[in-house]
Amino acid sequence: MKLLLRFNERKWTSFCYRDWSNFETLTNLFHTFHNKIKYYNIMKNITGKVKFISLETGFWGIVDNQGNEWRPINMPEQLKKEGKQVSVMVREVDEMSIFMWGTPVRILSFST
């Protein structure tokens, strides 16, 4: 039997699980993939201020009105001004980076 899992952004392919007798393992597997799919498809609207962080080589981030730190992986040039008030629609991404600051996000749209 084949369990087909699709996830557009990560291109997860078919997963073949042959031992259907262990229901607990199958259930845990389903919940793991389901939670990852749910996590990566969340879009958020963030309003905050742009900040240049001088860690390592330096990068741009956004600190929202609640104090949460966001690290856009695709910061548009129009937003790269220290202290600029912005509103952005983002989606969290799973990314490896040397920057130990903020939650990595991809900006989908923005306004200033």
N, C-alpha and C. Protein backbone atom coordinates (compact mmCIF):
# COMPACT_ATOMS: atom_id res chain seq x y z
N MET A 1 0.84 -1.18 0.00
CA MET A 1 0.00 0.00 0.00
C MET A 1 0.88 1.24 0.00
N LYS A 2 0.35 2.33 -0.46
CA LYS A 2 1.11 3.54 -0.56
C LYS A 2 0.36 4.69 0.09
N LEU A 3 1.06 5.44 0.89
CA LEU A 3 0.51 6.64 1.49
C LEU A 3 1.12 7.80 0.74
N LEU A 4 0.32 8.59 0.07
CA LEU A 4 0.82 9.68 -0.74
C LEU A 4 0.70 10.98 0.03
N LEU A 5 1.83 11.61 0.27
CA LEU A 5 1.85 12.89 0.95
C LEU A 5 2.40 13.93 -0.01
N ARG A 6 1.68 15.00 -0.19
CA ARG A 6 2.14 16.06 -1.08
C ARG A 6 2.25 17.35 -0.30
N PHE A 7 3.30 18.06 -0.56
CA PHE A 7 3.51 19.35 0.06
C PHE A 7 4.17 20.22 -0.97
N ASN A 8 3.46 21.21 -1.48
CA ASN A 8 3.90 21.98 -2.64
C ASN A 8 5.27 22.63 -2.48
N GLU A 9 5.49 23.35 -1.37
CA GLU A 9 6.72 24.10 -1.27
C GLU A 9 7.94 23.22 -1.04
N ARG A 10 7.80 22.17 -0.30
CA ARG A 10 8.93 21.31 0.03
C ARG A 10 9.07 20.13 -0.93
N LYS A 11 8.12 19.93 -1.80
CA LYS A 11 8.15 18.86 -2.80
C LYS A 11 8.30 17.48 -2.16
N TRP A 12 7.59 17.26 -1.06
CA TRP A 12 7.61 15.92 -0.47
C TRP A 12 6.98 14.96 -1.46
N THR A 13 7.57 13.82 -1.64
CA THR A 13 7.07 12.86 -2.61
C THR A 13 6.34 11.73 -1.90
N SER A 14 6.02 10.73 -2.64
CA SER A 14 5.29 9.59 -2.09
C SER A 14 6.10 8.91 -1.00
N PHE A 15 5.42 8.47 -0.01
CA PHE A 15 6.05 7.73 1.07
C PHE A 15 5.40 6.36 1.10
N CYS A 16 6.20 5.34 1.04
CA CYS A 16 5.66 3.99 1.00
C CYS A 16 5.81 3.35 2.37
N TYR A 17 4.72 2.99 2.99
CA TYR A 17 4.73 2.36 4.30
C TYR A 17 4.05 1.03 4.17
N ARG A 18 4.81 -0.05 4.25
CA ARG A 18 4.27 -1.38 3.97
C ARG A 18 3.64 -2.07 5.17
N ASP A 19 4.11 -1.77 6.38
CA ASP A 19 3.61 -2.48 7.55
C ASP A 19 2.45 -1.72 8.18
N TRP A 20 1.25 -2.01 7.72
CA TRP A 20 0.05 -1.32 8.22
C TRP A 20 -0.43 -1.93 9.53
N SER A 21 0.22 -2.98 10.01
CA SER A 21 -0.23 -3.64 11.23
C SER A 21 0.07 -2.82 12.48
N ASN A 22 1.07 -1.96 12.42
CA ASN A 22 1.41 -1.15 13.57
C ASN A 22 0.69 0.20 13.48
N PHE A 23 -0.51 0.24 13.99
CA PHE A 23 -1.37 1.42 13.87
C PHE A 23 -0.77 2.64 14.58
N GLU A 24 -0.13 2.43 15.72
CA GLU A 24 0.44 3.55 16.47
C GLU A 24 1.54 4.25 15.67
N THR A 25 2.40 3.47 15.02
CA THR A 25 3.46 4.06 14.20
C THR A 25 2.86 4.84 13.04
N LEU A 26 1.89 4.28 12.39
CA LEU A 26 1.24 4.96 11.27
C LEU A 26 0.56 6.25 11.72
N THR A 27 -0.10 6.21 12.86
CA THR A 27 -0.78 7.40 13.39
C THR A 27 0.23 8.49 13.71
N ASN A 28 1.33 8.11 14.36
CA ASN A 28 2.38 9.10 14.68
C ASN A 28 2.98 9.70 13.43
N LEU A 29 3.19 8.88 12.44
CA LEU A 29 3.73 9.35 11.16
C LEU A 29 2.79 10.36 10.51
N PHE A 30 1.51 10.06 10.50
CA PHE A 30 0.52 10.96 9.92
C PHE A 30 0.53 12.30 10.65
N HIS A 31 0.52 12.27 11.98
CA HIS A 31 0.48 13.52 12.74
C HIS A 31 1.75 14.34 12.54
N THR A 32 2.89 13.68 12.40
CA THR A 32 4.13 14.40 12.15
C THR A 32 4.06 15.16 10.83
N PHE A 33 3.67 14.48 9.76
CA PHE A 33 3.56 15.14 8.45
C PHE A 33 2.46 16.19 8.45
N HIS A 34 1.34 15.89 9.09
CA HIS A 34 0.22 16.84 9.13
C HIS A 34 0.64 18.13 9.83
N ASN A 35 1.34 18.00 10.95
CA ASN A 35 1.78 19.19 11.69
C ASN A 35 2.78 20.00 10.89
N LYS A 36 3.67 19.34 10.15
CA LYS A 36 4.63 20.07 9.33
C LYS A 36 3.93 20.81 8.20
N ILE A 37 2.98 20.16 7.56
CA ILE A 37 2.24 20.81 6.48
C ILE A 37 1.48 22.00 7.02
N LYS A 38 0.83 21.83 8.16
CA LYS A 38 0.07 22.90 8.78
C LYS A 38 1.00 24.06 9.16
N TYR A 39 2.17 23.74 9.69
CA TYR A 39 3.13 24.75 10.12
C TYR A 39 3.61 25.60 8.94
N TYR A 40 3.94 24.96 7.83
CA TYR A 40 4.52 25.68 6.71
C TYR A 40 3.50 26.45 5.88
N ASN A 41 2.24 26.17 6.04
CA ASN A 41 1.23 26.87 5.26
C ASN A 41 0.62 28.06 5.98
N ILE A 42 1.08 28.35 7.20
CA ILE A 42 0.54 29.47 7.96
C ILE A 42 1.06 30.79 7.40
N MET A 43 0.13 31.69 7.08
CA MET A 43 0.51 33.03 6.65
C MET A 43 0.13 33.99 7.76
N LYS A 44 0.97 34.95 8.02
CA LYS A 44 0.74 35.91 9.09
C LYS A 44 0.89 37.32 8.55
N ASN A 45 0.11 38.21 9.13
CA ASN A 45 0.23 39.62 8.83
C ASN A 45 0.97 40.26 10.00
N ILE A 46 2.13 40.85 9.73
CA ILE A 46 2.96 41.42 10.77
C ILE A 46 3.08 42.92 10.55
N THR A 47 2.90 43.69 11.63
CA THR A 47 3.11 45.12 11.58
C THR A 47 4.20 45.45 12.59
N GLY A 48 5.23 46.14 12.14
CA GLY A 48 6.33 46.46 13.04
C GLY A 48 7.33 47.38 12.39
N LYS A 49 8.52 47.45 13.01
CA LYS A 49 9.57 48.33 12.53
C LYS A 49 10.75 47.52 12.01
N VAL A 50 11.34 48.04 10.94
CA VAL A 50 12.51 47.41 10.33
C VAL A 50 13.73 47.76 11.16
N LYS A 51 14.61 46.77 11.31
CA LYS A 51 15.80 46.96 12.12
C LYS A 51 16.98 46.27 11.44
N PHE A 52 18.14 46.93 11.43
CA PHE A 52 19.36 46.28 10.93
C PHE A 52 20.06 45.64 12.12
N ILE A 53 20.32 44.35 12.03
CA ILE A 53 20.97 43.60 13.09
C ILE A 53 22.43 43.38 12.69
N SER A 54 23.35 43.81 13.53
CA SER A 54 24.77 43.72 13.15
C SER A 54 25.45 42.49 13.73
N LEU A 55 24.77 41.36 13.72
CA LEU A 55 25.38 40.08 14.08
C LEU A 55 26.03 39.49 12.84
N GLU A 56 27.15 38.80 13.04
CA GLU A 56 27.86 38.16 11.93
C GLU A 56 28.11 39.16 10.81
N THR A 57 27.57 38.93 9.62
CA THR A 57 27.78 39.85 8.50
C THR A 57 26.72 40.94 8.45
N GLY A 58 25.72 40.86 9.31
CA GLY A 58 24.64 41.85 9.34
C GLY A 58 23.48 41.43 8.45
N PHE A 59 22.27 41.76 8.90
CA PHE A 59 21.07 41.43 8.14
C PHE A 59 19.92 42.32 8.62
N TRP A 60 18.85 42.30 7.83
CA TRP A 60 17.65 43.09 8.16
C TRP A 60 16.62 42.21 8.84
N GLY A 61 15.92 42.79 9.80
CA GLY A 61 14.86 42.07 10.49
C GLY A 61 13.68 42.99 10.75
N ILE A 62 12.62 42.42 11.28
CA ILE A 62 11.43 43.19 11.64
C ILE A 62 11.08 42.83 13.08
N VAL A 63 10.87 43.85 13.90
CA VAL A 63 10.39 43.65 15.26
C VAL A 63 8.95 44.13 15.27
N ASP A 64 8.02 43.19 15.53
CA ASP A 64 6.60 43.57 15.48
C ASP A 64 6.18 44.33 16.74
N ASN A 65 4.94 44.79 16.75
CA ASN A 65 4.43 45.61 17.85
C ASN A 65 4.36 44.86 19.18
N GLN A 66 4.38 43.53 19.14
CA GLN A 66 4.37 42.72 20.37
C GLN A 66 5.79 42.37 20.82
N GLY A 67 6.81 42.80 20.07
CA GLY A 67 8.19 42.52 20.44
C GLY A 67 8.77 41.26 19.82
N ASN A 68 7.99 40.56 18.98
CA ASN A 68 8.49 39.35 18.31
C ASN A 68 9.48 39.74 17.21
N GLU A 69 10.49 38.92 17.02
CA GLU A 69 11.53 39.19 16.03
C GLU A 69 11.35 38.27 14.83
N TRP A 70 11.38 38.87 13.62
CA TRP A 70 11.19 38.14 12.37
C TRP A 70 12.37 38.43 11.46
N ARG A 71 12.90 37.38 10.83
CA ARG A 71 14.05 37.52 9.93
C ARG A 71 13.64 37.15 8.51
N PRO A 72 13.27 38.15 7.69
CA PRO A 72 12.90 37.86 6.30
C PRO A 72 14.09 37.34 5.50
N ILE A 73 13.87 36.28 4.74
CA ILE A 73 14.93 35.74 3.89
C ILE A 73 14.95 36.43 2.53
N ASN A 74 13.93 37.24 2.26
CA ASN A 74 13.84 37.95 0.99
C ASN A 74 13.40 39.40 1.21
N MET A 75 14.14 40.13 2.02
CA MET A 75 13.77 41.51 2.36
C MET A 75 13.88 42.42 1.13
N PRO A 76 12.76 43.01 0.69
CA PRO A 76 12.80 43.91 -0.48
C PRO A 76 13.62 45.18 -0.18
N GLU A 77 14.27 45.70 -1.19
CA GLU A 77 15.10 46.90 -1.05
C GLU A 77 14.29 48.08 -0.51
N GLN A 78 13.00 48.16 -0.89
CA GLN A 78 12.16 49.28 -0.46
C GLN A 78 11.97 49.31 1.06
N LEU A 79 12.15 48.18 1.72
CA LEU A 79 11.94 48.11 3.17
C LEU A 79 13.22 48.26 3.98
N LYS A 80 14.36 48.29 3.33
CA LYS A 80 15.64 48.32 4.04
C LYS A 80 16.02 49.72 4.50
N LYS A 81 15.22 50.24 5.47
CA LYS A 81 15.47 51.54 6.07
C LYS A 81 15.23 51.40 7.57
N GLU A 82 16.26 51.66 8.35
CA GLU A 82 16.19 51.52 9.81
C GLU A 82 15.02 52.31 10.39
N GLY A 83 14.19 51.65 11.18
CA GLY A 83 13.07 52.30 11.86
C GLY A 83 11.80 52.46 11.04
N LYS A 84 11.81 52.03 9.79
CA LYS A 84 10.65 52.18 8.92
C LYS A 84 9.50 51.30 9.42
N GLN A 85 8.31 51.90 9.52
CA GLN A 85 7.11 51.16 9.94
C GLN A 85 6.55 50.42 8.71
N VAL A 86 6.37 49.10 8.85
CA VAL A 86 5.91 48.29 7.73
C VAL A 86 4.80 47.34 8.16
N SER A 87 4.04 46.91 7.18
CA SER A 87 3.06 45.85 7.36
C SER A 87 3.34 44.82 6.28
N VAL A 88 3.62 43.59 6.70
CA VAL A 88 4.00 42.55 5.74
C VAL A 88 3.17 41.30 5.95
N MET A 89 2.89 40.61 4.85
CA MET A 89 2.27 39.29 4.90
C MET A 89 3.41 38.30 4.70
N VAL A 90 3.57 37.37 5.66
CA VAL A 90 4.70 36.44 5.62
C VAL A 90 4.24 35.01 5.80
N ARG A 91 5.13 34.10 5.42
CA ARG A 91 4.93 32.67 5.70
C ARG A 91 6.24 32.17 6.33
N GLU A 92 6.12 31.47 7.45
CA GLU A 92 7.29 30.92 8.11
C GLU A 92 7.95 29.87 7.22
N VAL A 93 9.28 29.84 7.25
CA VAL A 93 10.03 28.88 6.45
C VAL A 93 10.99 28.11 7.34
N ASP A 94 11.35 26.95 6.88
CA ASP A 94 12.32 26.12 7.58
C ASP A 94 13.65 26.34 6.89
N GLU A 95 14.55 27.07 7.57
CA GLU A 95 15.79 27.47 6.92
C GLU A 95 16.96 27.34 7.88
N MET A 96 18.07 26.86 7.38
CA MET A 96 19.30 26.81 8.16
C MET A 96 20.06 28.11 7.88
N SER A 97 20.61 28.70 8.95
CA SER A 97 21.29 29.98 8.77
C SER A 97 22.32 30.19 9.87
N ILE A 98 23.30 31.05 9.61
CA ILE A 98 24.26 31.41 10.64
C ILE A 98 23.68 32.47 11.58
N PHE A 99 22.59 33.10 11.17
CA PHE A 99 22.00 34.18 11.97
C PHE A 99 21.12 33.60 13.07
N MET A 100 21.50 33.85 14.31
CA MET A 100 20.77 33.32 15.46
C MET A 100 19.84 34.40 16.00
N TRP A 101 18.92 34.84 15.17
CA TRP A 101 18.02 35.91 15.57
C TRP A 101 16.71 35.75 14.83
N GLY A 102 15.61 35.86 15.52
CA GLY A 102 14.29 35.91 14.90
C GLY A 102 13.84 34.62 14.24
N THR A 103 12.58 34.63 13.86
CA THR A 103 11.96 33.52 13.14
C THR A 103 12.11 33.77 11.64
N PRO A 104 12.67 32.82 10.89
CA PRO A 104 12.84 33.03 9.45
C PRO A 104 11.49 33.00 8.73
N VAL A 105 11.26 34.01 7.89
CA VAL A 105 10.00 34.13 7.14
C VAL A 105 10.28 34.55 5.71
N ARG A 106 9.34 34.27 4.84
CA ARG A 106 9.37 34.74 3.45
C ARG A 106 8.29 35.80 3.32
N ILE A 107 8.66 36.98 2.82
CA ILE A 107 7.68 38.06 2.63
C ILE A 107 6.91 37.79 1.36
N LEU A 108 5.58 37.73 1.48
CA LEU A 108 4.71 37.51 0.34
C LEU A 108 4.19 38.82 -0.24
N SER A 109 3.90 39.78 0.63
CA SER A 109 3.48 41.11 0.19
C SER A 109 3.79 42.10 1.31
N PHE A 110 3.82 43.39 0.96
CA PHE A 110 4.12 44.38 1.98
C PHE A 110 3.50 45.73 1.63
N SER A 111 3.37 46.58 2.66
CA SER A 111 2.98 47.97 2.48
C SER A 111 3.70 48.80 3.54
N THR A 112 3.89 50.08 3.22
CA THR A 112 4.60 50.95 4.16
C THR A 112 3.74 52.10 4.60
